[in-house]
Amino acid sequence: MSQCFPLPEKVLTYSLLVNGSVYGNQSALNAYQFACALIERGHKLVSVFFYQDGVHHASSLVVPANDEFDLVKAWQQLSEQHEVRLESCVAASLRRGILDSNEAKTHGRDSCNVAQGFELAGLGGLAEAMLVQDRVVQF
């Protein structure tokens, strides 16, 4: 840990709201870098809620070019290493063709494509984060 960034006196809990698509703009990468920075500073990232075009992060079918940073894989690793919930808005996901096995069965689809480590969740998860966490930051 750098001397420039002493550990915080109080550990804060955070949730992030990611609206930007997995690729195409900088907001998603900024969210990931922010997540890493707050964990490095000793804070607790509880959850990341993907909404609007941000739900594309939850797709197992995202394949970046060989020379690009794999943001979906990075979120999965962050989640696994730091016990961070990765929640994708169920309504926004369905509109964009991202389904888990339950939704595929419910809607008569042949397959599902939610990436490992992500779960479909209602807006109640976001509302709860806003009530419970010390900070909710939107990207």
C-alpha atoms as a PDB file:
ATOM      1  CA  MET A   1       0.000   0.000   0.000  1.00  0.00           C
ATOM      2  CA  SER A   2       1.327   3.383  -0.972  1.00  0.00           C
ATOM      3  CA  GLN A   3       2.235   6.017   1.639  1.00  0.00           C
ATOM      4  CA  CYS A   4       0.222   8.503  -0.432  1.00  0.00           C
ATOM      5  CA  PHE A   5      -2.973   6.629   0.328  1.00  0.00           C
ATOM      6  CA  PRO A   6      -3.228   5.703   4.009  1.00  0.00           C
ATOM      7  CA  LEU A   7      -5.962   3.297   5.015  1.00  0.00           C
ATOM      8  CA  PRO A   8      -9.267   5.013   5.776  1.00  0.00           C
ATOM      9  CA  GLU A   9     -10.218   5.644   9.377  1.00  0.00           C
ATOM     10  CA  LYS A  10     -13.648   4.143   8.729  1.00  0.00           C
ATOM     11  CA  VAL A  11     -14.331   1.371   6.263  1.00  0.00           C
ATOM     12  CA  LEU A  12     -17.259   2.384   4.054  1.00  0.00           C
ATOM     13  CA  THR A  13     -19.573   0.025   2.206  1.00  0.00           C
ATOM     14  CA  TYR A  14     -20.227   0.704  -1.468  1.00  0.00           C
ATOM     15  CA  SER A  15     -22.493  -0.434  -4.241  1.00  0.00           C
ATOM     16  CA  LEU A  16     -21.996   0.598  -7.846  1.00  0.00           C
ATOM     17  CA  LEU A  17     -24.624   1.227 -10.501  1.00  0.00           C
ATOM     18  CA  VAL A  18     -23.268   0.598 -14.008  1.00  0.00           C
ATOM     19  CA  ASN A  19     -25.390   1.880 -16.903  1.00  0.00           C
ATOM     20  CA  GLY A  20     -22.718   1.857 -19.618  1.00  0.00           C
ATOM     21  CA  SER A  21     -22.346  -1.060 -21.993  1.00  0.00           C
ATOM     22  CA  VAL A  22     -19.440  -3.430 -21.572  1.00  0.00           C
ATOM     23  CA  TYR A  23     -17.667  -1.863 -24.580  1.00  0.00           C
ATOM     24  CA  GLY A  24     -18.281   1.298 -26.572  1.00  0.00           C
ATOM     25  CA  ASN A  25     -17.724   3.955 -23.928  1.00  0.00           C
ATOM     26  CA  GLN A  26     -15.450   4.591 -20.964  1.00  0.00           C
ATOM     27  CA  SER A  27     -17.988   4.465 -18.127  1.00  0.00           C
ATOM     28  CA  ALA A  28     -17.856   0.696 -17.606  1.00  0.00           C
ATOM     29  CA  LEU A  29     -14.070   0.595 -17.411  1.00  0.00           C
ATOM     30  CA  ASN A  30     -14.164   3.608 -15.071  1.00  0.00           C
ATOM     31  CA  ALA A  31     -16.572   1.700 -12.813  1.00  0.00           C
ATOM     32  CA  TYR A  32     -14.245  -1.305 -12.697  1.00  0.00           C
ATOM     33  CA  GLN A  33     -11.187   0.855 -11.963  1.00  0.00           C
ATOM     34  CA  PHE A  34     -13.114   2.684  -9.236  1.00  0.00           C
ATOM     35  CA  ALA A  35     -14.137  -0.666  -7.729  1.00  0.00           C
ATOM     36  CA  CYS A  36     -10.522  -1.823  -7.633  1.00  0.00           C
ATOM     37  CA  ALA A  37      -9.356   1.467  -6.121  1.00  0.00           C
ATOM     38  CA  LEU A  38     -11.894   1.476  -3.306  1.00  0.00           C
ATOM     39  CA  ILE A  39     -11.073  -2.138  -2.411  1.00  0.00           C
ATOM     40  CA  GLU A  40      -7.366  -1.289  -2.469  1.00  0.00           C
ATOM     41  CA  ARG A  41      -8.059   1.595  -0.079  1.00  0.00           C
ATOM     42  CA  GLY A  42      -9.676  -0.833   2.378  1.00  0.00           C
ATOM     43  CA  HIS A  43     -13.348  -0.172   1.712  1.00  0.00           C
ATOM     44  CA  LYS A  44     -15.945  -2.910   1.097  1.00  0.00           C
ATOM     45  CA  LEU A  45     -17.650  -3.259  -2.275  1.00  0.00           C
ATOM     46  CA  VAL A  46     -20.884  -5.127  -1.591  1.00  0.00           C
ATOM     47  CA  SER A  47     -22.531  -5.206  -5.012  1.00  0.00           C
ATOM     48  CA  VAL A  48     -22.514  -3.965  -8.573  1.00  0.00           C
ATOM     49  CA  PHE A  49     -25.912  -3.458 -10.195  1.00  0.00           C
ATOM     50  CA  PHE A  50     -25.904  -3.433 -13.996  1.00  0.00           C
ATOM     51  CA  TYR A  51     -28.776  -1.474 -15.538  1.00  0.00           C
ATOM     52  CA  GLN A  52     -29.816  -0.192 -18.979  1.00  0.00           C
ATOM     53  CA  ASP A  53     -27.055  -1.123 -21.479  1.00  0.00           C
ATOM     54  CA  GLY A  54     -24.872  -2.109 -18.530  1.00  0.00           C
ATOM     55  CA  VAL A  55     -26.660  -5.476 -18.482  1.00  0.00           C
ATOM     56  CA  HIS A  56     -24.482  -6.546 -21.429  1.00  0.00           C
ATOM     57  CA  HIS A  57     -21.760  -7.197 -18.828  1.00  0.00           C
ATOM     58  CA  ALA A  58     -23.797 -10.212 -17.703  1.00  0.00           C
ATOM     59  CA  SER A  59     -23.685 -11.950 -21.075  1.00  0.00           C
ATOM     60  CA  SER A  60     -21.523 -15.054 -21.415  1.00  0.00           C
ATOM     61  CA  LEU A  61     -21.384 -14.358 -25.154  1.00  0.00           C
ATOM     62  CA  VAL A  62     -19.219 -11.223 -24.942  1.00  0.00           C
ATOM     63  CA  VAL A  63     -15.906 -11.929 -26.656  1.00  0.00           C
ATOM     64  CA  PRO A  64     -13.468  -9.008 -26.748  1.00  0.00           C
ATOM     65  CA  ALA A  65     -10.712  -8.755 -29.335  1.00  0.00           C
ATOM     66  CA  ASN A  66      -7.441 -10.438 -28.387  1.00  0.00           C
ATOM     67  CA  ASP A  67      -5.793  -7.110 -27.622  1.00  0.00           C
ATOM     68  CA  GLU A  68      -8.667  -5.733 -25.503  1.00  0.00           C
ATOM     69  CA  PHE A  69      -9.187  -5.916 -21.758  1.00  0.00           C
ATOM     70  CA  ASP A  70     -11.786  -8.582 -20.905  1.00  0.00           C
ATOM     71  CA  LEU A  71     -14.073  -6.557 -18.670  1.00  0.00           C
ATOM     72  CA  VAL A  72     -16.616  -9.342 -18.071  1.00  0.00           C
ATOM     73  CA  LYS A  73     -13.856 -11.676 -16.879  1.00  0.00           C
ATOM     74  CA  ALA A  74     -12.421  -8.887 -14.711  1.00  0.00           C
ATOM     75  CA  TRP A  75     -15.800  -8.390 -12.972  1.00  0.00           C
ATOM     76  CA  GLN A  76     -16.053 -12.144 -12.433  1.00  0.00           C
ATOM     77  CA  GLN A  77     -12.608 -12.294 -10.839  1.00  0.00           C
ATOM     78  CA  LEU A  78     -13.304  -9.258  -8.657  1.00  0.00           C
ATOM     79  CA  SER A  79     -16.562 -10.839  -7.522  1.00  0.00           C
ATOM     80  CA  GLU A  80     -14.918 -14.129  -6.693  1.00  0.00           C
ATOM     81  CA  GLN A  81     -11.928 -12.647  -4.880  1.00  0.00           C
ATOM     82  CA  HIS A  82     -13.842 -10.051  -2.841  1.00  0.00           C
ATOM     83  CA  GLU A  83     -17.324 -11.601  -2.502  1.00  0.00           C
ATOM     84  CA  VAL A  84     -19.035  -8.893  -4.548  1.00  0.00           C
ATOM     85  CA  ARG A  85     -22.550  -9.548  -5.842  1.00  0.00           C
ATOM     86  CA  LEU A  86     -22.939  -8.923  -9.585  1.00  0.00           C
ATOM     87  CA  GLU A  87     -26.604  -8.174 -10.251  1.00  0.00           C
ATOM     88  CA  SER A  88     -28.094  -7.518 -13.672  1.00  0.00           C
ATOM     89  CA  CYS A  89     -31.518  -5.883 -13.890  1.00  0.00           C
ATOM     90  CA  VAL A  90     -33.865  -8.651 -14.982  1.00  0.00           C
ATOM     91  CA  ALA A  91     -36.195  -6.439 -17.052  1.00  0.00           C
ATOM     92  CA  ALA A  92     -33.359  -4.674 -18.878  1.00  0.00           C
ATOM     93  CA  SER A  93     -31.594  -8.016 -19.391  1.00  0.00           C
ATOM     94  CA  LEU A  94     -34.623  -9.684 -20.931  1.00  0.00           C
ATOM     95  CA  ARG A  95     -35.103  -6.761 -23.329  1.00  0.00           C
ATOM     96  CA  ARG A  96     -31.513  -7.209 -24.493  1.00  0.00           C
ATOM     97  CA  GLY A  97     -31.614 -11.001 -24.832  1.00  0.00           C
ATOM     98  CA  ILE A  98     -29.789 -11.929 -21.633  1.00  0.00           C
ATOM     99  CA  LEU A  99     -31.516 -14.812 -19.860  1.00  0.00           C
ATOM    100  CA  ASP A 100     -30.718 -17.197 -17.036  1.00  0.00           C
ATOM    101  CA  SER A 101     -32.060 -20.756 -17.074  1.00  0.00           C
ATOM    102  CA  ASN A 102     -35.239 -19.815 -15.180  1.00  0.00           C
ATOM    103  CA  GLU A 103     -36.104 -16.942 -17.532  1.00  0.00           C
ATOM    104  CA  ALA A 104     -35.309 -19.061 -20.600  1.00  0.00           C
ATOM    105  CA  LYS A 105     -37.738 -21.716 -19.386  1.00  0.00           C
ATOM    106  CA  THR A 106     -40.392 -19.160 -18.420  1.00  0.00           C
ATOM    107  CA  HIS A 107     -40.257 -17.459 -21.825  1.00  0.00           C
ATOM    108  CA  GLY A 108     -39.903 -20.620 -23.903  1.00  0.00           C
ATOM    109  CA  ARG A 109     -36.347 -19.988 -25.074  1.00  0.00           C
ATOM    110  CA  ASP A 110     -33.899 -22.760 -25.971  1.00  0.00           C
ATOM    111  CA  SER A 111     -30.877 -21.477 -24.093  1.00  0.00           C
ATOM    112  CA  CYS A 112     -29.555 -19.110 -21.468  1.00  0.00           C
ATOM    113  CA  ASN A 113     -26.499 -16.880 -21.562  1.00  0.00           C
ATOM    114  CA  VAL A 114     -25.934 -15.270 -18.157  1.00  0.00           C
ATOM    115  CA  ALA A 115     -22.219 -15.328 -17.409  1.00  0.00           C
ATOM    116  CA  GLN A 116     -21.005 -17.219 -14.366  1.00  0.00           C
ATOM    117  CA  GLY A 117     -21.008 -15.063 -11.245  1.00  0.00           C
ATOM    118  CA  PHE A 118     -23.805 -12.781 -12.460  1.00  0.00           C
ATOM    119  CA  GLU A 119     -27.407 -13.041 -11.349  1.00  0.00           C
ATOM    120  CA  LEU A 120     -30.594 -11.470 -12.644  1.00  0.00           C
ATOM    121  CA  ALA A 121     -32.203  -9.269 -10.003  1.00  0.00           C
ATOM    122  CA  GLY A 122     -35.047  -6.831  -9.687  1.00  0.00           C
ATOM    123  CA  LEU A 123     -34.761  -3.147  -8.941  1.00  0.00           C
ATOM    124  CA  GLY A 124     -35.394  -4.036  -5.316  1.00  0.00           C
ATOM    125  CA  GLY A 125     -31.715  -5.025  -5.084  1.00  0.00           C
ATOM    126  CA  LEU A 126     -30.699  -1.543  -6.170  1.00  0.00           C
ATOM    127  CA  ALA A 127     -33.201   0.079  -3.810  1.00  0.00           C
ATOM    128  CA  GLU A 128     -31.870  -2.002  -0.931  1.00  0.00           C
ATOM    129  CA  ALA A 129     -28.289  -0.988  -1.752  1.00  0.00           C
ATOM    130  CA  MET A 130     -29.317   2.678  -1.671  1.00  0.00           C
ATOM    131  CA  LEU A 131     -30.804   2.196   1.783  1.00  0.00           C
ATOM    132  CA  VAL A 132     -28.115  -0.002   3.308  1.00  0.00           C
ATOM    133  CA  GLN A 133     -24.721   0.941   1.818  1.00  0.00           C
ATOM    134  CA  ASP A 134     -22.779   4.007   2.894  1.00  0.00           C
ATOM    135  CA  ARG A 135     -22.285   5.025  -0.743  1.00  0.00           C
ATOM    136  CA  VAL A 136     -23.850   4.171  -4.110  1.00  0.00           C
ATOM    137  CA  VAL A 137     -21.904   5.470  -7.100  1.00  0.00           C
ATOM    138  CA  GLN A 138     -23.332   5.558 -10.622  1.00  0.00           C
ATOM    139  CA  PHE A 139     -21.354   5.112 -13.840  1.00  0.00           C
END
